[in-house]
Amino acid sequence: MATRIAVASSSRAEFGLLSNLCKQLNEDPSFDLSLLVIGSHLDPYMGNTIDEINNYQLPISLRVPWPVSRGNSTVDAINGASETLNCVGLYLSTNKPDLVIILGDRYEILSVAHAALMVNCPIAHIQGGELTLATIDESVRHALTKLSRFHFVAGESFAKRVQQMGESKDRVFNVGSLGVDNLLSCPIMSFEQLNNTLHGSLKHPFAVGTFHPVTLIPDQTIPAARAMLESVLEHNIHLLLTGVNSDPGRKILADVFKDYATRFSKQITYIESLGHARYISAMNHCCFLIGNSSSGLIEAPAIPIPTINIGDRQCGRPSSPSVIDCAPKKNEIKSAIIRILSSKFTDTLKSSDAAYGGKGAKDKIVDILKKISEDELCGPKQFEDYLICK
């Protein structure tokens, strides 16, 4: 009998990581796949990214709209999380999948894990053990680890951190990064093809900008975003600016981006959601990434292209020689741009090291899932005391 697996996705970035894994699971007769689509996927203001899931022709079994106002306040997030808990809980208790797969650290996914816990449905968590100290994602990620039975991590240091939280090393698997795996296996659009999808607005040289709210240091968000935009504008570089995620503080940040894109339309192309294929293609054609997205630290070094990582949002992640960390101040960002465009820096670019692995993550996950026995899916999870403090 096929193993019934429910995969939850709440955002464009997360589905970009899960897409090829879901496709492989759906095509393998060993599995019966269903998708639980929640969060910003169903929000037209976020680009209706459920359309990208539909393009993969994957079986969507549950859709939970995110009931928020355009203010994207903390209360909106709490209301959305409550609705997700109710809907996912009802689905899981009725359909009883053998396993729920979740990824990363989005607060929307915490409701999925909570529902699975309450109906005694085991969870496999992808990309645990990582650190992002300036966001609520940090606490959510570690909470998801403790709620999960199986762990697919992207590096050895992450595996050790998951084990440090009491998880059995027999259920912690270092498979590498799905993001790097997807990057290395995704067909790349030519610049002309990419530009045609953007109505010819893109110009060489260009940078890709992705900037999200810094949820634990909210006062940093808008000044840092403005400093980033103004620093790029002072150079002869076009900016392909992607939309903001659904974290609290999204609306005011998105309004800033739209204002700059309107006033400087010849130098900034703003698009709510590029989607997986266009984003990877843009990364391959740009001269650098700039902002505070994890893709600058995980995927970009594997191409390799340089990254300017602004502020504290990704604080705690392993870095690479291709990444320049800078404070969220205009003078430091401008200095980083000058440095990153120099031939001396370009000559030192190196491919990604072992921090996030290489190709093959999805194949490793599928192989491990096939070997999980019914006994491993059932029964209480043990807490492993690796260190005994006296």
Protein backbone atom coordinates (compact mmCIF):
# COMPACT_ATOMS: atom_id res chain seq x y z
CA MET A 1 0.00 0.00 0.00
CA ALA A 2 1.25 3.48 -0.88
CA THR A 3 2.35 5.73 1.98
CA ARG A 4 -0.11 8.61 2.26
CA ILE A 5 1.85 11.85 2.56
CA ALA A 6 0.45 15.34 3.08
CA VAL A 7 2.83 18.20 2.23
CA ALA A 8 2.00 21.65 3.60
CA SER A 9 3.04 24.88 1.87
CA SER A 10 2.31 28.45 2.94
CA SER A 11 4.47 30.69 0.73
CA ARG A 12 6.06 31.12 -2.70
CA ALA A 13 9.62 30.70 -1.39
CA GLU A 14 8.76 27.55 0.52
CA PHE A 15 6.99 25.94 -2.43
CA GLY A 16 9.98 26.83 -4.60
CA LEU A 17 12.01 24.57 -2.33
CA LEU A 18 9.37 21.83 -2.12
CA SER A 19 8.25 21.79 -5.75
CA ASN A 20 10.63 19.20 -7.21
CA LEU A 21 10.32 16.97 -4.15
CA CYS A 22 6.52 17.06 -4.45
CA LYS A 23 6.73 16.29 -8.15
CA GLN A 24 8.93 13.26 -7.46
CA LEU A 25 6.66 12.00 -4.67
CA ASN A 26 3.62 12.44 -6.91
CA GLU A 27 5.19 10.41 -9.72
CA ASP A 28 6.37 7.57 -7.44
CA PRO A 29 3.79 4.78 -6.95
CA SER A 30 5.17 4.20 -3.43
CA PHE A 31 3.44 7.38 -2.30
CA ASP A 32 -0.04 8.90 -2.34
CA LEU A 33 0.55 12.66 -2.25
CA SER A 34 -1.80 15.42 -1.16
CA LEU A 35 -1.00 19.13 -0.80
CA LEU A 36 -2.26 21.40 1.95
CA VAL A 37 -2.09 24.94 0.54
CA ILE A 38 -2.35 27.71 3.12
CA GLY A 39 -1.15 31.22 3.91
CA SER A 40 -0.16 33.73 1.27
CA HIS A 41 -0.59 31.29 -1.66
CA LEU A 42 -4.26 32.26 -1.89
CA ASP A 43 -3.77 36.00 -1.43
CA PRO A 44 -4.12 38.04 -4.67
CA TYR A 45 -2.06 40.82 -3.08
CA MET A 46 0.82 38.32 -2.80
CA GLY A 47 0.61 37.29 -6.44
CA ASN A 48 -1.83 34.33 -6.24
CA THR A 49 1.11 31.93 -6.03
CA ILE A 50 -1.25 28.96 -5.93
CA ASP A 51 -1.17 29.32 -9.73
CA GLU A 52 2.42 28.08 -9.70
CA ILE A 53 1.36 24.99 -7.74
CA ASN A 54 -1.39 24.38 -10.30
CA ASN A 55 1.21 24.58 -13.06
CA TYR A 56 2.91 21.55 -11.54
CA GLN A 57 -0.42 19.65 -11.70
CA LEU A 58 -0.06 18.47 -8.13
CA PRO A 59 -3.07 17.17 -6.16
CA ILE A 60 -4.32 19.93 -3.84
CA SER A 61 -6.53 18.46 -1.14
CA LEU A 62 -6.99 21.50 1.09
CA ARG A 63 -7.00 25.26 0.51
CA VAL A 64 -7.09 27.59 3.50
CA PRO A 65 -7.30 31.31 2.61
CA TRP A 66 -5.34 33.58 4.93
CA PRO A 67 -8.02 35.84 6.51
CA VAL A 68 -6.01 39.00 7.01
CA SER A 69 -6.63 42.68 6.40
CA ARG A 70 -4.22 44.62 4.23
CA GLY A 71 -2.49 45.89 7.37
CA ASN A 72 -0.68 42.59 7.99
CA SER A 73 -0.55 43.21 11.72
CA THR A 74 0.39 40.72 14.41
CA VAL A 75 -3.32 40.28 15.21
CA ASP A 76 -3.97 39.41 11.55
CA ALA A 77 -1.27 36.76 11.77
CA ILE A 78 -2.83 35.29 14.92
CA ASN A 79 -6.27 35.16 13.28
CA GLY A 80 -4.83 33.47 10.21
CA ALA A 81 -2.96 30.94 12.31
CA SER A 82 -6.17 30.13 14.23
CA GLU A 83 -8.16 29.54 11.03
CA THR A 84 -5.37 27.35 9.65
CA LEU A 85 -5.27 25.26 12.82
CA ASN A 86 -9.04 24.67 12.61
CA CYS A 87 -9.09 23.75 8.91
CA VAL A 88 -5.96 21.61 8.87
CA GLY A 89 -6.99 19.87 12.08
CA LEU A 90 -10.33 18.91 10.55
CA TYR A 91 -8.64 17.67 7.36
CA LEU A 92 -6.03 15.56 9.19
CA SER A 93 -8.52 14.04 11.62
CA THR A 94 -10.80 13.06 8.71
CA ASN A 95 -8.23 11.85 6.15
CA LYS A 96 -5.52 10.51 8.50
CA PRO A 97 -2.39 10.64 6.30
CA ASP A 98 0.56 8.48 7.34
CA LEU A 99 2.95 11.43 7.45
CA VAL A 100 2.89 15.23 7.18
CA ILE A 101 5.89 16.96 5.59
CA ILE A 102 6.68 20.54 6.51
CA LEU A 103 9.62 22.80 5.67
CA GLY A 104 11.45 25.62 7.33
CA ASP A 105 10.25 28.19 9.80
CA ARG A 106 7.11 30.04 8.68
CA TYR A 107 4.70 30.82 11.50
CA GLU A 108 1.80 29.66 9.31
CA ILE A 109 3.32 26.15 9.26
CA LEU A 110 3.36 26.08 13.05
CA SER A 111 -0.44 25.75 12.91
CA VAL A 112 -0.09 22.71 10.63
CA ALA A 113 2.33 21.07 13.06
CA HIS A 114 0.04 21.89 16.00
CA ALA A 115 -2.89 20.25 14.23
CA ALA A 116 -0.82 17.17 13.35
CA LEU A 117 0.30 16.85 16.97
CA MET A 118 -3.27 16.98 18.24
CA VAL A 119 -4.46 14.21 15.90
CA ASN A 120 -1.31 12.10 16.44
CA CYS A 121 -0.07 12.37 12.87
CA PRO A 122 3.75 12.08 12.60
CA ILE A 123 5.70 14.95 11.05
CA ALA A 124 8.84 15.09 8.92
CA HIS A 125 10.55 18.48 9.09
CA ILE A 126 12.92 19.79 6.41
CA GLN A 127 15.63 22.37 7.11
CA GLY A 128 15.69 22.37 10.89
CA GLY A 129 18.66 23.21 13.09
CA GLU A 130 19.45 26.51 11.35
CA LEU A 131 19.72 29.94 12.98
CA THR A 132 18.18 33.33 12.11
CA LEU A 133 18.46 35.25 15.34
CA ALA A 134 16.62 38.47 14.41
CA THR A 135 13.29 36.94 13.37
CA ILE A 136 10.47 34.97 14.95
CA ASP A 137 11.39 32.27 12.42
CA GLU A 138 14.16 31.25 14.85
CA SER A 139 11.71 30.20 17.58
CA VAL A 140 9.23 28.71 15.11
CA ARG A 141 11.92 26.55 13.48
CA HIS A 142 13.05 25.03 16.78
CA ALA A 143 9.44 24.50 17.88
CA LEU A 144 8.78 22.61 14.64
CA THR A 145 11.82 20.46 15.35
CA LYS A 146 10.42 19.37 18.70
CA LEU A 147 7.01 18.63 17.18
CA SER A 148 8.54 16.47 14.43
CA ARG A 149 9.56 12.81 14.37
CA PHE A 150 11.90 12.84 11.34
CA HIS A 151 14.38 15.54 10.39
CA PHE A 152 15.93 16.28 6.98
CA VAL A 153 18.66 18.87 7.54
CA ALA A 154 20.94 20.73 5.12
CA GLY A 155 24.31 20.28 6.86
CA GLU A 156 26.20 18.48 9.60
CA SER A 157 26.21 21.44 11.98
CA PHE A 158 22.41 21.62 11.66
CA ALA A 159 22.12 17.89 12.37
CA LYS A 160 24.11 18.32 15.57
CA ARG A 161 21.92 21.21 16.66
CA VAL A 162 18.74 19.14 16.13
CA GLN A 163 20.26 16.30 18.14
CA GLN A 164 21.19 18.81 20.84
CA MET A 165 17.45 19.44 21.25
CA GLY A 166 16.97 15.79 22.26
CA GLU A 167 16.17 14.31 18.86
CA SER A 168 17.43 10.79 18.12
CA LYS A 169 20.37 10.74 15.71
CA ASP A 170 18.71 7.74 14.01
CA ARG A 171 15.97 10.09 12.79
CA VAL A 172 18.13 13.04 11.78
CA PHE A 173 19.30 12.87 8.16
CA ASN A 174 21.83 15.22 6.56
CA VAL A 175 20.50 15.40 2.98
CA GLY A 176 21.76 18.84 1.92
CA SER A 177 19.68 21.80 0.80
CA LEU A 178 16.60 21.44 -1.39
CA GLY A 179 17.27 25.00 -2.56
CA VAL A 180 20.73 24.14 -3.85
CA ASP A 181 19.42 20.87 -5.31
CA ASN A 182 16.67 22.71 -7.21
CA LEU A 183 19.08 25.42 -8.33
CA LEU A 184 21.48 22.90 -9.86
CA SER A 185 18.74 20.94 -11.64
CA CYS A 186 16.44 23.77 -12.83
CA PRO A 187 16.52 24.74 -16.55
CA ILE A 188 17.73 28.32 -16.82
CA MET A 189 15.85 30.80 -19.01
CA SER A 190 17.98 32.97 -21.29
CA PHE A 191 18.14 36.66 -20.41
CA GLU A 192 15.93 37.41 -23.41
CA GLN A 193 13.31 34.86 -22.32
CA LEU A 194 13.34 36.18 -18.78
CA ASN A 195 13.10 39.78 -19.93
CA ASN A 196 10.17 38.99 -22.23
CA THR A 197 8.19 37.77 -19.21
CA LEU A 198 8.91 41.15 -17.60
CA HIS A 199 7.72 43.11 -20.66
CA GLY A 200 11.26 44.09 -21.61
CA SER A 201 11.79 46.21 -18.50
CA LEU A 202 15.04 44.55 -17.41
CA LYS A 203 18.41 46.02 -18.35
CA HIS A 204 22.00 44.84 -17.98
CA PRO A 205 23.70 45.11 -15.58
CA PHE A 206 21.06 44.31 -12.98
CA ALA A 207 20.85 43.15 -9.38
CA VAL A 208 18.12 41.07 -7.74
CA GLY A 209 16.73 42.64 -4.57
CA THR A 210 14.71 40.74 -1.96
CA PHE A 211 13.98 42.35 1.39
CA HIS A 212 11.55 41.23 4.11
CA PRO A 213 10.49 42.58 7.52
CA VAL A 214 12.95 42.07 10.38
CA THR A 215 10.32 40.82 12.79
CA LEU A 216 12.28 41.00 16.07
CA ILE A 217 13.89 44.36 15.19
CA PRO A 218 10.96 46.03 13.36
CA ASP A 219 12.47 49.54 13.54
CA GLN A 220 15.29 48.31 11.28
CA THR A 221 13.04 47.33 8.37
CA ILE A 222 12.06 50.58 6.61
CA PRO A 223 15.30 52.56 7.09
CA ALA A 224 17.30 49.55 5.87
CA ALA A 225 15.06 49.06 2.84
CA ARG A 226 15.32 52.73 1.88
CA ALA A 227 19.10 52.64 2.31
CA MET A 228 19.27 49.61 0.02
CA LEU A 229 17.16 51.24 -2.70
CA GLU A 230 18.99 54.57 -2.60
CA SER A 231 22.39 52.87 -2.67
CA VAL A 232 21.51 50.91 -5.82
CA LEU A 233 19.98 53.98 -7.48
CA GLU A 234 23.27 55.85 -7.12
CA HIS A 235 24.98 53.22 -9.29
CA ASN A 236 24.30 52.51 -12.96
CA ILE A 237 22.57 49.23 -12.04
CA HIS A 238 19.00 48.15 -12.72
CA LEU A 239 17.20 46.54 -9.76
CA LEU A 240 14.81 43.61 -10.16
CA LEU A 241 12.91 43.94 -6.91
CA THR A 242 10.74 41.07 -5.68
CA GLY A 243 7.66 41.31 -3.46
CA VAL A 244 7.58 41.15 0.32
CA ASN A 245 6.60 38.05 2.30
CA SER A 246 3.54 37.93 4.57
CA ASP A 247 5.25 38.76 7.86
CA PRO A 248 3.78 41.51 10.04
CA GLY A 249 4.95 44.82 8.63
CA ARG A 250 4.59 43.67 5.03
CA LYS A 251 2.19 46.41 3.86
CA ILE A 252 4.25 49.45 4.76
CA LEU A 253 7.38 47.85 3.28
CA ALA A 254 5.56 46.90 0.06
CA ASP A 255 4.22 50.46 -0.20
CA VAL A 256 7.77 51.81 0.01
CA PHE A 257 8.89 49.46 -2.77
CA LYS A 258 5.97 50.40 -5.02
CA ASP A 259 6.61 54.09 -4.44
CA TYR A 260 10.27 53.79 -5.46
CA ALA A 261 9.40 51.57 -8.44
CA THR A 262 6.91 54.20 -9.65
CA ARG A 263 9.26 57.16 -9.19
CA PHE A 264 12.29 55.38 -10.65
CA SER A 265 10.61 53.11 -13.19
CA LYS A 266 13.57 53.20 -15.59
CA GLN A 267 15.87 51.74 -12.94
CA ILE A 268 13.61 49.53 -10.81
CA THR A 269 11.41 46.64 -11.96
CA TYR A 270 9.08 45.56 -9.15
CA ILE A 271 7.22 42.25 -9.35
CA GLU A 272 5.14 40.70 -6.59
CA SER A 273 6.23 37.12 -7.31
CA LEU A 274 8.78 35.92 -9.84
CA GLY A 275 8.04 32.27 -9.18
CA HIS A 276 10.65 29.54 -8.85
CA ALA A 277 11.96 29.27 -12.43
CA ARG A 278 12.20 33.02 -13.06
CA TYR A 279 13.85 33.69 -9.70
CA ILE A 280 16.55 31.08 -10.29
CA SER A 281 17.05 32.34 -13.85
CA ALA A 282 17.34 35.92 -12.62
CA MET A 283 19.93 34.85 -10.06
CA ASN A 284 21.98 33.26 -12.84
CA HIS A 285 21.96 36.44 -14.98
CA CYS A 286 22.32 39.17 -12.35
CA CYS A 287 25.56 40.73 -11.16
CA PHE A 288 24.68 40.32 -7.47
CA LEU A 289 21.89 39.70 -4.96
CA ILE A 290 21.06 42.33 -2.38
CA GLY A 291 18.70 42.35 0.62
CA ASN A 292 18.10 40.05 3.57
CA SER A 293 16.80 36.83 2.01
CA SER A 294 18.20 33.39 2.85
CA SER A 295 18.61 32.71 -0.87
CA GLY A 296 21.61 35.03 -0.85
CA LEU A 297 23.39 32.80 1.66
CA ILE A 298 22.13 29.36 0.59
CA GLU A 299 21.54 29.26 -3.17
CA ALA A 300 23.58 32.20 -4.53
CA PRO A 301 27.00 30.84 -3.45
CA ALA A 302 26.29 27.64 -5.40
CA ILE A 303 26.07 29.49 -8.75
CA PRO A 304 28.29 31.34 -7.64
CA ILE A 305 27.19 34.99 -7.60
CA PRO A 306 27.95 37.60 -4.93
CA THR A 307 25.50 38.65 -2.24
CA ILE A 308 25.15 41.80 -0.16
CA ASN A 309 23.43 40.65 3.04
CA ILE A 310 21.95 43.65 4.84
CA GLY A 311 21.26 43.83 8.55
CA ASP A 312 20.44 41.14 11.09
CA ARG A 313 17.64 39.07 9.54
CA GLN A 314 19.94 36.19 8.54
CA CYS A 315 22.23 36.47 11.57
CA GLY A 316 23.36 32.97 12.56
CA ARG A 317 23.46 31.34 9.12
CA PRO A 318 26.77 29.97 7.77
CA SER A 319 28.23 32.36 5.25
CA SER A 320 30.44 32.04 2.17
CA PRO A 321 33.31 34.04 0.62
CA SER A 322 30.79 35.32 -1.94
CA VAL A 323 28.70 37.05 0.76
CA ILE A 324 29.38 40.52 2.12
CA ASP A 325 27.57 41.25 5.39
CA CYS A 326 26.90 44.90 6.07
CA ALA A 327 25.03 47.07 8.54
CA PRO A 328 21.69 48.54 7.38
CA LYS A 329 23.27 51.91 6.62
CA LYS A 330 23.56 53.63 3.25
CA ASN A 331 27.30 54.30 3.41
CA GLU A 332 28.06 50.65 4.24
CA ILE A 333 25.74 49.33 1.52
CA LYS A 334 27.33 51.66 -1.06
CA SER A 335 30.79 50.47 -0.02
CA ALA A 336 29.64 46.85 -0.35
CA ILE A 337 28.33 47.50 -3.89
CA ILE A 338 31.63 49.09 -4.93
CA ARG A 339 33.56 46.18 -3.45
CA ILE A 340 31.35 43.51 -4.98
CA LEU A 341 31.64 45.02 -8.48
CA SER A 342 35.42 45.11 -8.35
CA SER A 343 37.35 42.60 -10.45
CA LYS A 344 39.38 41.67 -7.37
CA PHE A 345 36.26 40.47 -5.56
CA THR A 346 34.83 38.74 -8.64
CA ASP A 347 38.07 36.79 -9.08
CA THR A 348 37.78 35.37 -5.56
CA LEU A 349 34.29 33.92 -5.98
CA LYS A 350 34.09 30.30 -4.99
CA SER A 351 31.34 27.73 -5.30
CA SER A 352 29.31 26.78 -2.24
CA ASP A 353 31.14 24.87 0.46
CA ALA A 354 29.72 21.97 2.46
CA ALA A 355 27.47 24.21 4.58
CA TYR A 356 24.40 23.54 2.43
CA GLY A 357 25.46 20.56 0.32
CA GLY A 358 25.07 20.04 -3.41
CA LYS A 359 22.77 18.17 -5.74
CA GLY A 360 20.62 15.23 -4.67
CA ALA A 361 18.65 16.36 -1.59
CA LYS A 362 15.22 15.37 -2.95
CA ASP A 363 16.44 11.92 -4.03
CA LYS A 364 17.88 11.29 -0.57
CA ILE A 365 14.63 12.34 1.10
CA VAL A 366 12.54 10.07 -1.13
CA ASP A 367 14.87 7.11 -0.51
CA ILE A 368 14.69 7.61 3.26
CA LEU A 369 10.90 7.95 3.21
CA LYS A 370 10.65 4.59 1.43
CA LYS A 371 12.61 2.92 4.24
CA ILE A 372 10.53 4.28 7.13
CA SER A 373 8.64 1.40 8.72
CA GLU A 374 5.14 1.46 10.17
CA ASP A 375 6.62 0.94 13.63
CA GLU A 376 8.76 4.08 13.20
CA LEU A 377 5.64 6.10 12.39
CA CYS A 378 3.86 4.98 15.56
CA GLY A 379 4.50 5.11 19.28
CA PRO A 380 5.89 7.82 21.55
CA LYS A 381 8.99 9.75 20.53
CA GLN A 382 11.92 9.40 22.91
CA PHE A 383 14.00 12.30 24.23
CA GLU A 384 17.70 11.57 23.84
CA ASP A 385 20.01 12.92 26.57
CA TYR A 386 23.27 13.45 24.69
CA LEU A 387 24.69 15.80 27.32
CA ILE A 388 24.01 15.39 31.02
CA CYS A 389 24.66 18.54 32.98
CA LYS A 390 25.38 18.13 36.70
